[in-house]
Amino acid sequence: MRLGLYLLKMSAIEAERAAKRKIEVEDVEKVYEGGKSLFLDKSLSSLNSLERIVKGNLHHK
């Protein structure tokens, strides 16, 4: 949900910068590419210690 709201907001800003009257798919894709690692990092940092252990075990397989 938060990612969707972020994408909508930032896509609107991106479209406005380009003097567009509507948000286009390209605007959303550009914002998504720039912001996906931010949301992934934030999600991973909120894991508790058990979840981090499980994630680590899944990552190494």
N, C-alpha and C. Protein backbone atom coordinates (compact mmCIF):
# COMPACT_ATOMS: atom_id res chain seq x y z
N MET A 1 0.83 -1.18 0.00
CA MET A 1 0.00 0.00 0.00
C MET A 1 0.88 1.25 0.00
N ARG A 2 1.87 1.28 0.88
CA ARG A 2 2.72 2.47 0.95
C ARG A 2 3.51 2.67 -0.33
N LEU A 3 3.97 1.58 -0.92
CA LEU A 3 4.71 1.69 -2.17
C LEU A 3 3.81 2.27 -3.25
N GLY A 4 2.57 1.84 -3.31
CA GLY A 4 1.64 2.36 -4.31
C GLY A 4 1.39 3.84 -4.15
N LEU A 5 1.22 4.28 -2.92
CA LEU A 5 1.00 5.70 -2.65
C LEU A 5 2.25 6.52 -3.01
N TYR A 6 3.39 5.98 -2.64
CA TYR A 6 4.66 6.64 -2.99
C TYR A 6 4.78 6.77 -4.50
N LEU A 7 4.51 5.69 -5.23
CA LEU A 7 4.62 5.72 -6.68
C LEU A 7 3.66 6.73 -7.30
N LEU A 8 2.45 6.79 -6.79
CA LEU A 8 1.47 7.74 -7.30
C LEU A 8 1.95 9.18 -7.08
N LYS A 9 2.38 9.47 -5.88
CA LYS A 9 2.83 10.82 -5.55
C LYS A 9 4.04 11.22 -6.39
N MET A 10 5.05 10.37 -6.41
CA MET A 10 6.28 10.71 -7.11
C MET A 10 6.09 10.72 -8.63
N SER A 11 5.20 9.88 -9.14
CA SER A 11 4.90 9.88 -10.57
C SER A 11 4.21 11.17 -10.97
N ALA A 12 3.36 11.68 -10.11
CA ALA A 12 2.70 12.96 -10.38
C ALA A 12 3.73 14.08 -10.43
N ILE A 13 4.68 14.04 -9.52
CA ILE A 13 5.75 15.05 -9.51
C ILE A 13 6.58 14.94 -10.78
N GLU A 14 6.90 13.72 -11.16
CA GLU A 14 7.69 13.47 -12.37
C GLU A 14 6.95 13.97 -13.62
N ALA A 15 5.67 13.68 -13.71
CA ALA A 15 4.87 14.14 -14.85
C ALA A 15 4.79 15.66 -14.88
N GLU A 16 4.63 16.26 -13.71
CA GLU A 16 4.56 17.71 -13.64
C GLU A 16 5.87 18.36 -14.09
N ARG A 17 6.99 17.76 -13.73
CA ARG A 17 8.30 18.27 -14.17
C ARG A 17 8.40 18.28 -15.68
N ALA A 18 7.79 17.29 -16.31
CA ALA A 18 7.83 17.18 -17.77
C ALA A 18 6.69 17.94 -18.43
N ALA A 19 5.97 18.74 -17.65
CA ALA A 19 4.86 19.56 -18.15
C ALA A 19 3.74 18.72 -18.77
N LYS A 20 3.52 17.54 -18.19
CA LYS A 20 2.43 16.67 -18.66
C LYS A 20 1.19 16.93 -17.83
N ARG A 21 0.04 16.69 -18.42
CA ARG A 21 -1.22 16.87 -17.70
C ARG A 21 -1.71 15.56 -17.08
N LYS A 22 -1.11 14.45 -17.50
CA LYS A 22 -1.50 13.13 -16.99
C LYS A 22 -0.25 12.33 -16.64
N ILE A 23 -0.42 11.45 -15.67
CA ILE A 23 0.66 10.52 -15.32
C ILE A 23 0.63 9.39 -16.33
N GLU A 24 1.79 9.09 -16.90
CA GLU A 24 1.89 8.02 -17.88
C GLU A 24 2.68 6.85 -17.28
N VAL A 25 2.55 5.71 -17.91
CA VAL A 25 3.22 4.50 -17.43
C VAL A 25 4.73 4.75 -17.29
N GLU A 26 5.29 5.48 -18.23
CA GLU A 26 6.73 5.75 -18.19
C GLU A 26 7.12 6.51 -16.93
N ASP A 27 6.25 7.41 -16.46
CA ASP A 27 6.53 8.16 -15.23
C ASP A 27 6.60 7.22 -14.04
N VAL A 28 5.64 6.30 -13.97
CA VAL A 28 5.60 5.34 -12.87
C VAL A 28 6.81 4.42 -12.92
N GLU A 29 7.16 3.95 -14.10
CA GLU A 29 8.31 3.05 -14.24
C GLU A 29 9.61 3.74 -13.82
N LYS A 30 9.75 5.00 -14.20
CA LYS A 30 10.97 5.75 -13.84
C LYS A 30 11.08 5.89 -12.32
N VAL A 31 9.98 6.23 -11.67
CA VAL A 31 9.98 6.38 -10.22
C VAL A 31 10.21 5.04 -9.54
N TYR A 32 9.58 3.99 -10.06
CA TYR A 32 9.73 2.66 -9.46
C TYR A 32 11.19 2.21 -9.49
N GLU A 33 11.84 2.39 -10.62
CA GLU A 33 13.25 1.98 -10.74
C GLU A 33 14.11 2.73 -9.73
N GLY A 34 13.82 3.98 -9.50
CA GLY A 34 14.60 4.78 -8.57
C GLY A 34 14.29 4.50 -7.11
N GLY A 35 13.07 4.04 -6.81
CA GLY A 35 12.65 3.90 -5.42
C GLY A 35 12.54 2.49 -4.88
N LYS A 36 12.66 1.49 -5.74
CA LYS A 36 12.44 0.13 -5.25
C LYS A 36 13.48 -0.31 -4.23
N SER A 37 14.73 0.08 -4.42
CA SER A 37 15.75 -0.31 -3.45
C SER A 37 15.55 0.40 -2.11
N LEU A 38 15.03 1.62 -2.15
CA LEU A 38 14.72 2.35 -0.93
C LEU A 38 13.69 1.59 -0.10
N PHE A 39 12.62 1.11 -0.73
CA PHE A 39 11.59 0.38 0.00
C PHE A 39 12.08 -0.99 0.45
N LEU A 40 12.91 -1.64 -0.35
CA LEU A 40 13.47 -2.93 0.04
C LEU A 40 14.37 -2.77 1.26
N ASP A 41 15.23 -1.76 1.23
CA ASP A 41 16.11 -1.51 2.37
C ASP A 41 15.31 -1.21 3.63
N LYS A 42 14.28 -0.41 3.50
CA LYS A 42 13.45 -0.06 4.65
C LYS A 42 12.73 -1.30 5.20
N SER A 43 12.22 -2.14 4.31
CA SER A 43 11.54 -3.36 4.74
C SER A 43 12.49 -4.32 5.44
N LEU A 44 13.68 -4.48 4.89
CA LEU A 44 14.65 -5.39 5.49
C LEU A 44 15.14 -4.88 6.84
N SER A 45 15.26 -3.58 6.99
CA SER A 45 15.72 -3.04 8.27
C SER A 45 14.69 -3.20 9.38
N SER A 46 13.43 -3.43 9.02
CA SER A 46 12.38 -3.58 10.03
C SER A 46 12.19 -5.03 10.49
N LEU A 47 12.97 -5.97 9.93
CA LEU A 47 12.86 -7.37 10.33
C LEU A 47 13.36 -7.57 11.75
N ASN A 48 12.69 -8.46 12.49
CA ASN A 48 13.21 -8.79 13.82
C ASN A 48 14.34 -9.81 13.67
N SER A 49 14.99 -10.17 14.75
CA SER A 49 16.17 -11.03 14.67
C SER A 49 15.86 -12.41 14.10
N LEU A 50 14.74 -13.01 14.45
CA LEU A 50 14.38 -14.32 13.90
C LEU A 50 14.13 -14.22 12.39
N GLU A 51 13.45 -13.19 11.97
CA GLU A 51 13.19 -12.99 10.54
C GLU A 51 14.50 -12.78 9.77
N ARG A 52 15.46 -12.11 10.39
CA ARG A 52 16.76 -11.90 9.75
C ARG A 52 17.51 -13.22 9.59
N ILE A 53 17.40 -14.10 10.58
CA ILE A 53 18.04 -15.42 10.51
C ILE A 53 17.42 -16.22 9.37
N VAL A 54 16.10 -16.22 9.28
CA VAL A 54 15.41 -16.95 8.22
C VAL A 54 15.79 -16.38 6.86
N LYS A 55 15.80 -15.06 6.74
CA LYS A 55 16.19 -14.41 5.48
C LYS A 55 17.60 -14.80 5.09
N GLY A 56 18.50 -14.80 6.08
CA GLY A 56 19.89 -15.17 5.81
C GLY A 56 20.01 -16.60 5.33
N ASN A 57 19.24 -17.51 5.94
CA ASN A 57 19.27 -18.91 5.52
C ASN A 57 18.70 -19.09 4.11
N LEU A 58 17.67 -18.34 3.78
CA LEU A 58 17.08 -18.42 2.43
C LEU A 58 18.03 -17.85 1.39
N HIS A 59 18.73 -16.80 1.76
CA HIS A 59 19.64 -16.13 0.84
C HIS A 59 20.83 -17.01 0.46
N HIS A 60 21.29 -17.83 1.41
CA HIS A 60 22.48 -18.64 1.18
C HIS A 60 22.20 -19.98 0.49
N LYS A 61 20.93 -20.30 0.27
CA LYS A 61 20.61 -21.59 -0.38
C LYS A 61 20.67 -21.47 -1.87
